[in-house]
Amino acid sequence: MAEALSLARRELILGGQKSGKSRRAELLARTWLDGGSTRQAVLIATAQPWDAEMQARIARHQADRAARVPGLRTVEEPLALAKAIQDHSRPDTLLVVDCLTLWLTNWRMPMHPKDLPSSEPNQPPALVSIDYVALLLEAIAAAPGPLVLVGNEIGLGVIPMGAEVRAFVDALGLLNQQVAKVCERVTLMAAGLPLTLKAAN
């Protein structure tokens, strides 16, 4: 994978479960940190530990990251991703967002809908009128420092049962397309190997 470790201004890394997405993002962060003592790297984590399995998974990822990339600091932000990018992006700081899929899940299919903001006192949170995708795209485009964004490609299998799940798969596919447009490089991971879908100029 060494040939794919040059840094793009913004890179979107897509792939299936256990395809090597997060590992590639960590390697890019380590490459960035190795490039100078004044450089920093921040992981913006979007996962929420709703159950015991997810808590164990998050703890395992944290331990693995600490061993592989000790200088990678973690910020947890399940919803306000655009603001987190605005707050932490600097020319000397690489941001890794892991992952866009869980972030979209937190908005569209929240475990606790009451946690979502509402624009009106009597409006159900599920109908909140925040264009969170547009805000995210603006933050990505305006970020002064390098960005690595990780997301799942889940639209390659059979059409899922249930209207809500089909709507989510559609929304994720559209999100991936929109983020890909504002990134200089797009990489698809399969079996730990990177396939460049869009190359940085």
Protein backbone atom coordinates (compact mmCIF):
# COMPACT_ATOMS: atom_id res chain seq x y z
CA MET A 1 0.00 0.00 0.00
CA ALA A 2 3.06 2.26 0.20
CA GLU A 3 2.47 3.71 -3.27
CA ALA A 4 -0.94 5.04 -2.19
CA LEU A 5 0.27 6.91 0.90
CA SER A 6 0.88 10.31 -0.65
CA LEU A 7 -1.44 12.88 0.88
CA ALA A 8 -4.19 14.61 -1.03
CA ARG A 9 -5.74 17.88 0.11
CA ARG A 10 -8.99 16.04 0.78
CA GLU A 11 -9.48 12.29 0.46
CA LEU A 12 -12.64 10.21 0.74
CA ILE A 13 -12.04 6.55 1.62
CA LEU A 14 -14.93 4.19 0.93
CA GLY A 15 -15.30 0.44 1.41
CA GLY A 16 -17.22 -2.35 3.04
CA GLN A 17 -16.98 -3.65 6.58
CA LYS A 18 -13.39 -4.62 7.51
CA SER A 19 -12.12 -3.56 4.08
CA GLY A 20 -9.19 -1.56 5.50
CA LYS A 21 -10.77 1.93 5.42
CA SER A 22 -9.79 3.02 8.92
CA ARG A 23 -6.35 1.43 8.64
CA ARG A 24 -5.61 3.45 5.50
CA ALA A 25 -6.79 6.64 7.22
CA GLU A 26 -4.49 5.88 10.17
CA LEU A 27 -1.54 5.27 7.83
CA LEU A 28 -2.19 8.62 6.15
CA ALA A 29 -2.30 10.29 9.57
CA ARG A 30 0.98 8.65 10.53
CA THR A 31 2.55 9.75 7.23
CA TRP A 32 1.39 13.31 7.94
CA LEU A 33 2.75 13.31 11.48
CA ASP A 34 6.08 11.90 10.32
CA GLY A 35 6.45 14.89 7.97
CA GLY A 36 7.29 17.43 10.66
CA SER A 37 7.39 17.96 14.41
CA THR A 38 4.91 20.87 14.31
CA ARG A 39 2.22 18.83 12.60
CA GLN A 40 -0.84 17.54 14.43
CA ALA A 41 -3.57 15.01 13.61
CA VAL A 42 -7.08 14.81 15.03
CA LEU A 43 -9.61 12.00 14.62
CA ILE A 44 -13.24 13.14 14.69
CA ALA A 45 -15.15 10.04 15.81
CA THR A 46 -18.88 9.87 15.09
CA ALA A 47 -19.74 6.53 16.73
CA GLN A 48 -21.96 6.39 19.80
CA PRO A 49 -21.71 3.54 22.35
CA TRP A 50 -25.40 2.62 22.50
CA ASP A 51 -24.89 -1.02 23.54
CA ALA A 52 -22.26 -3.29 25.05
CA GLU A 53 -21.06 -4.60 21.67
CA MET A 54 -20.56 -1.08 20.33
CA GLN A 55 -18.80 -0.03 23.53
CA ALA A 56 -16.38 -2.95 23.15
CA ARG A 57 -15.86 -2.17 19.46
CA ILE A 58 -15.07 1.49 20.19
CA ALA A 59 -12.66 0.53 22.99
CA ARG A 60 -10.88 -1.90 20.67
CA HIS A 61 -10.54 0.73 17.95
CA GLN A 62 -9.20 3.24 20.48
CA ALA A 63 -6.56 0.80 21.72
CA ASP A 64 -5.53 -0.14 18.18
CA ARG A 65 -5.24 3.51 17.13
CA ALA A 66 -3.20 4.40 20.20
CA ALA A 67 -0.73 1.65 19.34
CA ARG A 68 -0.52 2.41 15.62
CA VAL A 69 -0.69 6.23 15.65
CA PRO A 70 0.17 7.52 19.16
CA GLY A 71 0.04 11.16 18.05
CA LEU A 72 -3.54 10.96 16.75
CA ARG A 73 -5.81 12.86 19.15
CA THR A 74 -9.53 11.94 19.28
CA VAL A 75 -12.55 14.27 19.39
CA GLU A 76 -16.00 12.69 19.67
CA GLU A 77 -18.78 14.39 17.70
CA PRO A 78 -21.80 12.34 16.61
CA LEU A 79 -23.87 15.16 15.05
CA ALA A 80 -22.21 18.59 14.67
CA LEU A 81 -19.58 17.37 12.23
CA ALA A 82 -19.41 20.56 10.17
CA LYS A 83 -18.69 22.61 13.29
CA ALA A 84 -16.08 20.10 14.48
CA ILE A 85 -14.26 20.43 11.15
CA GLN A 86 -14.43 24.23 11.38
CA ASP A 87 -13.17 24.19 14.98
CA HIS A 88 -10.23 21.83 14.50
CA SER A 89 -9.02 22.30 10.91
CA ARG A 90 -5.77 24.24 10.57
CA PRO A 91 -2.99 24.21 7.97
CA ASP A 92 -0.76 22.22 10.35
CA THR A 93 -3.48 19.76 11.39
CA LEU A 94 -4.76 16.72 9.50
CA LEU A 95 -8.35 15.78 10.33
CA VAL A 96 -9.61 12.21 9.99
CA VAL A 97 -13.41 11.82 10.06
CA ASP A 98 -14.44 8.25 10.92
CA CYS A 99 -17.06 7.76 9.81
CA LEU A 100 -19.59 9.52 7.59
CA THR A 101 -21.94 6.51 7.62
CA LEU A 102 -22.40 6.55 11.39
CA TRP A 103 -22.77 10.34 11.31
CA LEU A 104 -25.61 10.03 8.77
CA THR A 105 -27.14 7.23 10.85
CA ASN A 106 -27.10 9.47 13.92
CA TRP A 107 -29.14 12.06 12.00
CA ARG A 108 -31.53 9.89 10.02
CA MET A 109 -31.99 6.84 12.25
CA PRO A 110 -31.07 8.00 15.76
CA MET A 111 -31.18 5.57 18.67
CA HIS A 112 -32.62 8.38 20.81
CA PRO A 113 -34.52 10.86 18.57
CA LYS A 114 -35.03 13.22 21.54
CA ASP A 115 -31.31 14.02 21.36
CA LEU A 116 -31.67 15.68 17.95
CA PRO A 117 -32.13 19.46 17.88
CA SER A 118 -35.49 20.81 16.80
CA SER A 119 -36.02 24.13 15.02
CA GLU A 120 -39.42 24.66 16.66
CA PRO A 121 -40.56 23.84 20.21
CA ASN A 122 -43.43 21.58 19.07
CA GLN A 123 -41.71 20.08 16.03
CA PRO A 124 -40.69 16.40 16.22
CA PRO A 125 -36.90 16.00 16.07
CA ALA A 126 -37.20 13.66 13.07
CA LEU A 127 -38.56 16.59 11.03
CA VAL A 128 -35.79 19.00 11.98
CA SER A 129 -35.14 21.43 9.12
CA ILE A 130 -31.33 21.48 9.26
CA ASP A 131 -29.53 20.87 5.97
CA TYR A 132 -26.71 19.07 7.74
CA VAL A 133 -25.29 17.65 4.52
CA ALA A 134 -24.97 21.11 2.95
CA LEU A 135 -23.26 22.39 6.09
CA LEU A 136 -20.84 19.47 5.99
CA LEU A 137 -19.97 20.02 2.32
CA GLU A 138 -19.32 23.71 3.00
CA ALA A 139 -17.05 22.84 5.94
CA ILE A 140 -15.09 20.31 3.85
CA ALA A 141 -14.60 22.80 1.02
CA ALA A 142 -13.53 25.60 3.39
CA ALA A 143 -11.22 23.57 5.65
CA PRO A 144 -7.73 25.15 5.68
CA GLY A 145 -5.99 21.87 6.55
CA PRO A 146 -5.94 18.39 4.99
CA LEU A 147 -8.94 16.09 5.46
CA VAL A 148 -9.39 12.33 5.31
CA LEU A 149 -13.02 11.20 5.38
CA VAL A 150 -14.02 7.57 5.90
CA GLY A 151 -17.36 6.09 4.85
CA ASN A 152 -19.07 2.82 3.99
CA GLU A 153 -20.10 1.69 0.54
CA ILE A 154 -23.23 -0.31 1.31
CA GLY A 155 -25.11 -0.08 -1.98
CA LEU A 156 -23.46 -3.03 -3.73
CA GLY A 157 -25.71 -5.76 -2.36
CA VAL A 158 -29.37 -6.66 -2.74
CA ILE A 159 -32.05 -4.00 -2.32
CA PRO A 160 -32.87 -4.02 1.42
CA MET A 161 -36.26 -4.82 2.88
CA GLY A 162 -38.15 -1.91 4.42
CA ALA A 163 -38.74 1.62 3.18
CA GLU A 164 -36.72 3.26 5.97
CA VAL A 165 -33.61 1.19 5.27
CA ARG A 166 -33.94 1.71 1.50
CA ALA A 167 -34.21 5.46 2.10
CA PHE A 168 -31.05 5.38 4.23
CA VAL A 169 -29.08 3.44 1.60
CA ASP A 170 -30.19 6.00 -1.00
CA ALA A 171 -29.22 8.91 1.27
CA LEU A 172 -25.80 7.41 1.98
CA GLY A 173 -25.15 6.85 -1.70
CA LEU A 174 -26.01 10.48 -2.43
CA LEU A 175 -23.84 11.67 0.47
CA ASN A 176 -20.88 9.67 -0.83
CA GLN A 177 -21.34 11.17 -4.29
CA GLN A 178 -21.53 14.72 -2.92
CA VAL A 179 -18.47 14.32 -0.71
CA ALA A 180 -16.57 12.70 -3.59
CA LYS A 181 -17.18 15.81 -5.71
CA VAL A 182 -15.42 18.09 -3.20
CA CYS A 183 -12.50 15.71 -2.58
CA GLU A 184 -9.37 15.64 -4.73
CA ARG A 185 -8.91 11.90 -4.19
CA VAL A 186 -11.43 9.09 -3.72
CA THR A 187 -10.21 5.62 -2.74
CA LEU A 188 -12.20 2.39 -2.63
CA MET A 189 -10.84 -0.23 -0.22
CA ALA A 190 -11.32 -3.97 -0.82
CA ALA A 191 -9.51 -6.74 1.07
CA GLY A 192 -7.10 -4.17 2.49
CA LEU A 193 -6.10 -2.93 -0.96
CA PRO A 194 -6.73 0.60 -2.28
CA LEU A 195 -8.33 1.26 -5.66
CA THR A 196 -8.10 4.90 -6.76
CA LEU A 197 -11.45 6.08 -8.12
CA LYS A 198 -10.44 9.72 -8.38
CA ALA A 199 -6.83 10.87 -8.42
CA ALA A 200 -5.43 14.09 -7.00
CA ASN A 201 -4.04 16.39 -9.68
